[in-house]
Amino acid sequence: MSREPEEISLRLPHIELAAQVYGPANGAPVIALHGWLDNAATFARLAPKLQGLRIVAVDFAGHGHSAHRPAGAGYALWDYVHDVLLVAEQLDWPRFSLLGHSMGAIVSVLLAATFPERVQRLALIDGLVPPTIEADGAVATLAEALRGRLALSGKRKPVYPSLERAAQVRQRGVGHVSFEAACLLAQRGLMPVAEGLTWRTDSRLTLTTPMRLTMAHVQAFVMALRCPTQLVLAEQGLLAPREHLTELLAQTAITVHRLPGGHHLHLDDEQGAQLVADCFKAFLSAP
């Protein structure tokens, strides 16, 4: 399989999304979903190693080369679920598997739980459920989110003199990444401006989430999963310290693979990408 993906546009009724496509047209259908503030390039090392699959790696709305949501709209997780369902409709895929990293894994779980008849298999990389908050914290969370939204117009995106400088900054972002991985994400995530380069990402994505699910909510979604599911947990990833995760997984039939590496182990280097591919290739290829 060529390492160079095909670039496509997906014109949904309400927004246009960009995607990168890997693999043969007759391969098992897989929609790949990236993490928060990343883009489809997160699968640049992994997708070519999953030979025989038809992988459509989508830039979520507001990320990468996809359009931003209109003024006044937000970026709730369930809006992404809706987008992915419409992507599947445009691809004419009545059933498909999902490959998700971080936020993309969370969106995949929500979709697979609510539309079990559509999702064949679920392959998750260092992501399962969103951060939760209980009812007594909801008021303060909403207040913080709305204050951030009111102040957003006065903020400006950072500008970098070079892709390499932007990649160095991205290395220190959420989920530390290798310099090579940061460069891959930056190549797709940057755009030129008069003073240099800045991120294409919608600034609204950096705002606090107005309303979060409770632990009871996320448990209900995970327990509603009906498709075969495998989860790669990175030993130095973002899920490792979350104590409730072990208890939640113990109640499910999810197969867990614990691998060395950080949150972006599938992108940081070729070795990590191969380890993740070894977990998922036969799984995603199965009928």
Protein backbone atom coordinates (compact mmCIF):
# COMPACT_ATOMS: atom_id res chain seq x y z
CA MET A 1 0.00 0.00 0.00
CA SER A 2 1.26 3.47 -0.81
CA ARG A 3 2.06 5.63 2.20
CA GLU A 4 0.61 8.65 0.39
CA PRO A 5 -3.13 8.85 1.05
CA GLU A 6 -5.76 10.13 -1.34
CA GLU A 7 -7.23 13.49 -0.33
CA ILE A 8 -11.02 13.77 -0.52
CA SER A 9 -13.74 16.24 0.45
CA LEU A 10 -16.94 15.11 2.14
CA ARG A 11 -19.76 17.58 1.53
CA LEU A 12 -22.24 17.00 4.35
CA PRO A 13 -25.56 18.89 4.43
CA HIS A 14 -24.24 21.33 7.04
CA ILE A 15 -20.45 21.34 6.65
CA GLU A 16 -17.59 20.22 4.40
CA LEU A 17 -15.02 17.86 5.91
CA ALA A 18 -11.65 16.81 4.57
CA ALA A 19 -10.29 13.26 4.79
CA GLN A 20 -7.34 11.10 3.79
CA VAL A 21 -8.03 7.68 2.31
CA TYR A 22 -5.79 4.62 2.53
CA GLY A 23 -6.11 1.17 1.05
CA PRO A 24 -8.04 -0.60 -1.71
CA ALA A 25 -11.59 0.36 -2.62
CA ASN A 26 -12.78 -3.17 -1.79
CA GLY A 27 -11.07 -3.27 1.62
CA ALA A 28 -13.01 -3.64 4.87
CA PRO A 29 -14.46 -0.17 5.60
CA VAL A 30 -12.92 1.75 8.51
CA ILE A 31 -13.51 5.36 9.56
CA ALA A 32 -10.52 6.71 11.51
CA LEU A 33 -11.01 9.54 14.00
CA HIS A 34 -8.22 11.65 15.50
CA GLY A 35 -7.79 13.35 18.85
CA TRP A 36 -8.54 16.85 20.11
CA LEU A 37 -6.53 19.56 18.29
CA ASP A 38 -4.91 16.90 16.06
CA ASN A 39 -5.92 15.99 12.51
CA ALA A 40 -6.07 13.06 10.10
CA ALA A 41 -2.27 12.97 9.88
CA THR A 42 -2.26 11.23 13.25
CA PHE A 43 -2.74 8.01 11.26
CA ALA A 44 0.15 8.68 8.82
CA ARG A 45 2.35 5.95 10.31
CA LEU A 46 -0.36 3.50 11.38
CA ALA A 47 -2.74 3.39 8.40
CA PRO A 48 -0.16 2.14 5.85
CA LYS A 49 0.59 -0.78 8.18
CA LEU A 50 -3.08 -1.86 8.23
CA GLN A 51 -2.94 -3.26 4.73
CA GLY A 52 -6.09 -4.48 3.02
CA LEU A 53 -8.38 -2.06 4.85
CA ARG A 54 -10.21 0.89 3.29
CA ILE A 55 -9.41 3.57 5.87
CA VAL A 56 -11.01 7.00 5.66
CA ALA A 57 -9.22 9.26 8.15
CA VAL A 58 -11.43 12.29 8.72
CA ASP A 59 -10.44 15.76 9.87
CA PHE A 60 -13.07 16.58 12.46
CA ALA A 61 -14.93 19.86 12.00
CA GLY A 62 -12.71 22.74 13.06
CA HIS A 63 -9.54 20.66 12.65
CA GLY A 64 -7.05 20.14 9.84
CA HIS A 65 -8.45 20.99 6.41
CA SER A 66 -12.12 20.67 7.43
CA ALA A 67 -14.42 23.67 7.65
CA HIS A 68 -15.18 25.38 10.94
CA ARG A 69 -18.67 25.33 12.39
CA PRO A 70 -20.66 28.53 11.79
CA ALA A 71 -20.75 31.42 14.24
CA GLY A 72 -22.76 30.58 17.34
CA ALA A 73 -22.27 26.83 16.99
CA GLY A 74 -20.22 24.64 19.29
CA TYR A 75 -18.17 21.46 19.21
CA ALA A 76 -20.02 19.00 21.43
CA LEU A 77 -19.06 15.33 21.23
CA TRP A 78 -22.52 14.36 19.99
CA ASP A 79 -22.16 16.81 17.09
CA TYR A 80 -19.09 14.87 15.98
CA VAL A 81 -21.09 11.64 16.24
CA HIS A 82 -23.67 13.15 13.91
CA ASP A 83 -20.94 14.20 11.47
CA VAL A 84 -19.46 10.68 11.37
CA LEU A 85 -22.87 9.14 10.68
CA LEU A 86 -23.28 11.52 7.74
CA VAL A 87 -19.77 10.65 6.50
CA ALA A 88 -20.78 6.98 6.47
CA GLU A 89 -23.93 7.87 4.55
CA GLN A 90 -21.91 9.74 1.93
CA LEU A 91 -19.48 6.84 1.62
CA ASP A 92 -22.49 4.49 1.26
CA TRP A 93 -21.27 2.34 4.14
CA PRO A 94 -24.24 0.82 6.00
CA ARG A 95 -21.79 -0.95 8.33
CA PHE A 96 -18.20 -0.01 9.14
CA SER A 97 -15.55 -0.26 11.81
CA LEU A 98 -14.15 2.66 13.78
CA LEU A 99 -10.51 3.37 14.59
CA GLY A 100 -10.24 6.16 17.12
CA HIS A 101 -7.47 7.89 19.04
CA SER A 102 -8.13 9.92 22.20
CA MET A 103 -11.16 12.15 21.49
CA GLY A 104 -11.73 10.12 18.35
CA ALA A 105 -11.97 7.01 20.52
CA ILE A 106 -14.53 8.73 22.73
CA VAL A 107 -16.65 9.73 19.72
CA SER A 108 -16.34 6.16 18.43
CA VAL A 109 -17.69 4.74 21.69
CA LEU A 110 -20.66 7.12 21.71
CA LEU A 111 -21.50 6.23 18.11
CA ALA A 112 -21.09 2.48 18.55
CA ALA A 113 -23.23 2.51 21.69
CA THR A 114 -26.09 4.49 20.17
CA PHE A 115 -26.03 2.88 16.70
CA PRO A 116 -24.88 -0.72 17.32
CA GLU A 117 -26.35 -1.86 14.00
CA ARG A 118 -23.92 0.40 12.11
CA VAL A 119 -20.60 -0.39 13.79
CA GLN A 120 -18.91 -3.71 13.11
CA ARG A 121 -15.76 -3.39 15.20
CA LEU A 122 -14.21 -0.82 17.50
CA ALA A 123 -10.43 -0.22 17.72
CA LEU A 124 -9.47 2.39 20.33
CA ILE A 125 -6.08 4.01 21.03
CA ASP A 126 -5.57 5.53 24.49
CA GLY A 127 -9.13 6.78 24.72
CA LEU A 128 -12.47 5.45 25.91
CA VAL A 129 -14.67 7.96 27.76
CA PRO A 130 -14.55 11.75 28.21
CA PRO A 131 -13.57 13.50 31.44
CA THR A 132 -16.64 13.52 33.66
CA ILE A 133 -18.15 15.87 36.20
CA GLU A 134 -20.85 15.28 38.74
CA ALA A 135 -23.93 17.47 39.10
CA ASP A 136 -22.49 19.64 41.88
CA GLY A 137 -19.74 20.87 39.55
CA ALA A 138 -21.95 21.69 36.57
CA VAL A 139 -22.72 25.32 37.51
CA ALA A 140 -19.07 26.35 37.86
CA THR A 141 -18.14 24.51 34.67
CA LEU A 142 -20.82 26.26 32.62
CA ALA A 143 -19.86 29.64 34.07
CA GLU A 144 -16.19 29.09 33.18
CA ALA A 145 -17.11 28.02 29.65
CA LEU A 146 -19.31 31.04 29.01
CA ARG A 147 -16.73 33.46 30.38
CA GLY A 148 -14.20 31.93 28.01
CA ARG A 149 -16.56 32.28 25.08
CA LEU A 150 -17.18 35.96 25.86
CA ALA A 151 -13.43 36.64 26.03
CA LEU A 152 -12.50 34.70 22.90
CA SER A 153 -12.88 37.61 20.46
CA GLY A 154 -10.00 39.40 22.17
CA LYS A 155 -7.55 36.55 21.71
CA ARG A 156 -5.29 35.90 18.73
CA LYS A 157 -3.75 32.68 17.53
CA PRO A 158 0.02 32.31 17.95
CA VAL A 159 2.15 32.83 14.84
CA TYR A 160 5.35 30.87 14.21
CA PRO A 161 8.27 31.69 11.90
CA SER A 162 8.58 28.09 10.69
CA LEU A 163 6.93 24.67 10.72
CA GLU A 164 9.77 23.40 12.91
CA ARG A 165 9.09 26.03 15.58
CA ALA A 166 5.38 25.22 15.56
CA ALA A 167 6.21 21.52 15.89
CA GLN A 168 8.42 22.24 18.90
CA VAL A 169 5.51 24.00 20.59
CA ARG A 170 3.13 21.16 19.68
CA GLN A 171 5.52 18.70 21.32
CA ARG A 172 4.69 20.25 24.67
CA GLY A 173 0.92 20.26 24.11
CA VAL A 174 -1.71 17.83 25.35
CA GLY A 175 -0.27 14.36 25.05
CA HIS A 176 3.47 14.93 24.54
CA VAL A 177 4.55 13.82 21.06
CA SER A 178 7.90 13.18 19.38
CA PHE A 179 9.29 15.93 17.16
CA GLU A 180 8.70 13.79 14.07
CA ALA A 181 5.07 13.22 15.06
CA ALA A 182 4.58 16.92 15.80
CA CYS A 183 5.93 17.76 12.34
CA LEU A 184 3.43 15.40 10.69
CA LEU A 185 0.56 17.01 12.60
CA ALA A 186 1.86 20.52 11.91
CA GLN A 187 2.21 19.93 8.16
CA ARG A 188 -1.53 19.35 7.97
CA GLY A 189 -2.53 21.66 10.79
CA LEU A 190 -0.82 24.93 9.81
CA MET A 191 -1.74 27.66 7.35
CA PRO A 192 0.24 30.67 6.09
CA VAL A 193 -0.50 34.19 7.35
CA ALA A 194 1.29 37.47 6.70
CA GLU A 195 3.70 37.06 9.62
CA GLY A 196 4.42 33.34 9.23
CA LEU A 197 2.36 30.25 10.08
CA THR A 198 -0.56 29.67 12.42
CA TRP A 199 -2.88 26.79 13.21
CA ARG A 200 -5.92 26.13 11.03
CA THR A 201 -7.75 24.90 14.12
CA ASP A 202 -10.89 26.76 15.21
CA SER A 203 -10.05 28.78 18.34
CA ARG A 204 -13.38 27.74 19.89
CA LEU A 205 -11.95 24.25 20.34
CA THR A 206 -9.75 25.55 23.16
CA LEU A 207 -12.75 26.62 25.25
CA THR A 208 -13.91 24.72 28.31
CA THR A 209 -16.65 22.20 27.56
CA PRO A 210 -19.93 23.79 28.81
CA MET A 211 -21.57 20.58 30.04
CA ARG A 212 -19.84 17.28 30.77
CA LEU A 213 -21.30 13.83 31.19
CA THR A 214 -21.42 12.26 34.64
CA MET A 215 -19.75 8.94 35.46
CA ALA A 216 -23.16 7.27 35.32
CA HIS A 217 -23.61 8.60 31.78
CA VAL A 218 -20.30 7.25 30.49
CA GLN A 219 -20.85 3.90 32.18
CA ALA A 220 -24.17 3.61 30.37
CA PHE A 221 -22.52 4.23 26.99
CA VAL A 222 -19.70 1.75 27.59
CA MET A 223 -22.08 -0.93 28.86
CA ALA A 224 -24.26 -0.43 25.76
CA LEU A 225 -21.43 -1.49 23.40
CA ARG A 226 -22.35 -4.61 21.44
CA CYS A 227 -19.57 -4.88 18.85
CA PRO A 228 -16.17 -6.52 19.42
CA THR A 229 -13.93 -3.86 20.94
CA GLN A 230 -10.19 -3.62 21.50
CA LEU A 231 -8.39 -0.90 23.41
CA VAL A 232 -4.68 -0.04 23.30
CA LEU A 233 -3.55 1.58 26.55
CA ALA A 234 -0.24 3.44 26.43
CA GLU A 235 1.88 2.86 29.52
CA GLN A 236 2.76 6.57 29.60
CA GLY A 237 -0.53 7.68 28.10
CA LEU A 238 -3.34 9.88 29.40
CA LEU A 239 -5.55 7.04 30.65
CA ALA A 240 -2.96 5.35 32.86
CA PRO A 241 -3.60 7.42 36.04
CA ARG A 242 -7.41 7.22 35.89
CA GLU A 243 -8.36 4.78 38.65
CA HIS A 244 -12.00 4.41 37.66
CA LEU A 245 -10.95 3.07 34.26
CA THR A 246 -9.88 -0.31 35.65
CA GLU A 247 -13.19 -0.74 37.42
CA LEU A 248 -15.13 0.23 34.31
CA LEU A 249 -13.18 -2.09 32.00
CA ALA A 250 -13.65 -4.98 34.44
CA GLN A 251 -17.39 -4.81 33.74
CA THR A 252 -16.96 -5.15 29.97
CA ALA A 253 -15.76 -7.63 27.34
CA ILE A 254 -13.28 -5.09 25.91
CA THR A 255 -9.90 -6.61 25.06
CA VAL A 256 -7.10 -4.44 26.43
CA HIS A 257 -3.54 -4.27 25.05
CA ARG A 258 -1.01 -2.43 27.23
CA LEU A 259 1.87 -1.12 25.13
CA PRO A 260 4.98 0.95 25.88
CA GLY A 261 4.86 4.55 24.80
CA GLY A 262 2.98 7.78 25.27
CA HIS A 263 -0.44 9.05 24.26
CA HIS A 264 0.59 9.21 20.57
CA LEU A 265 2.40 5.88 20.52
CA HIS A 266 0.85 5.09 17.12
CA LEU A 267 2.48 8.22 15.61
CA ASP A 268 5.63 8.90 17.64
CA ASP A 269 7.77 6.37 15.75
CA GLU A 270 7.57 3.42 13.37
CA GLN A 271 8.06 0.87 16.16
CA GLY A 272 5.08 2.15 18.12
CA ALA A 273 2.94 2.26 15.00
CA GLN A 274 3.86 -1.35 14.23
CA LEU A 275 2.94 -2.49 17.75
CA VAL A 276 -0.48 -0.88 17.42
CA ALA A 277 -0.92 -2.31 13.91
CA ASP A 278 -0.10 -5.78 15.23
CA CYS A 279 -2.96 -5.43 17.71
CA PHE A 280 -5.54 -4.22 15.18
CA LYS A 281 -4.76 -5.58 11.72
CA ALA A 282 -6.34 -9.05 12.02
CA PHE A 283 -9.07 -7.66 14.28
CA LEU A 284 -10.23 -5.00 11.82
CA SER A 285 -9.89 -7.37 8.85
CA ALA A 286 -12.12 -10.05 10.36
CA PRO A 287 -15.58 -10.48 8.77
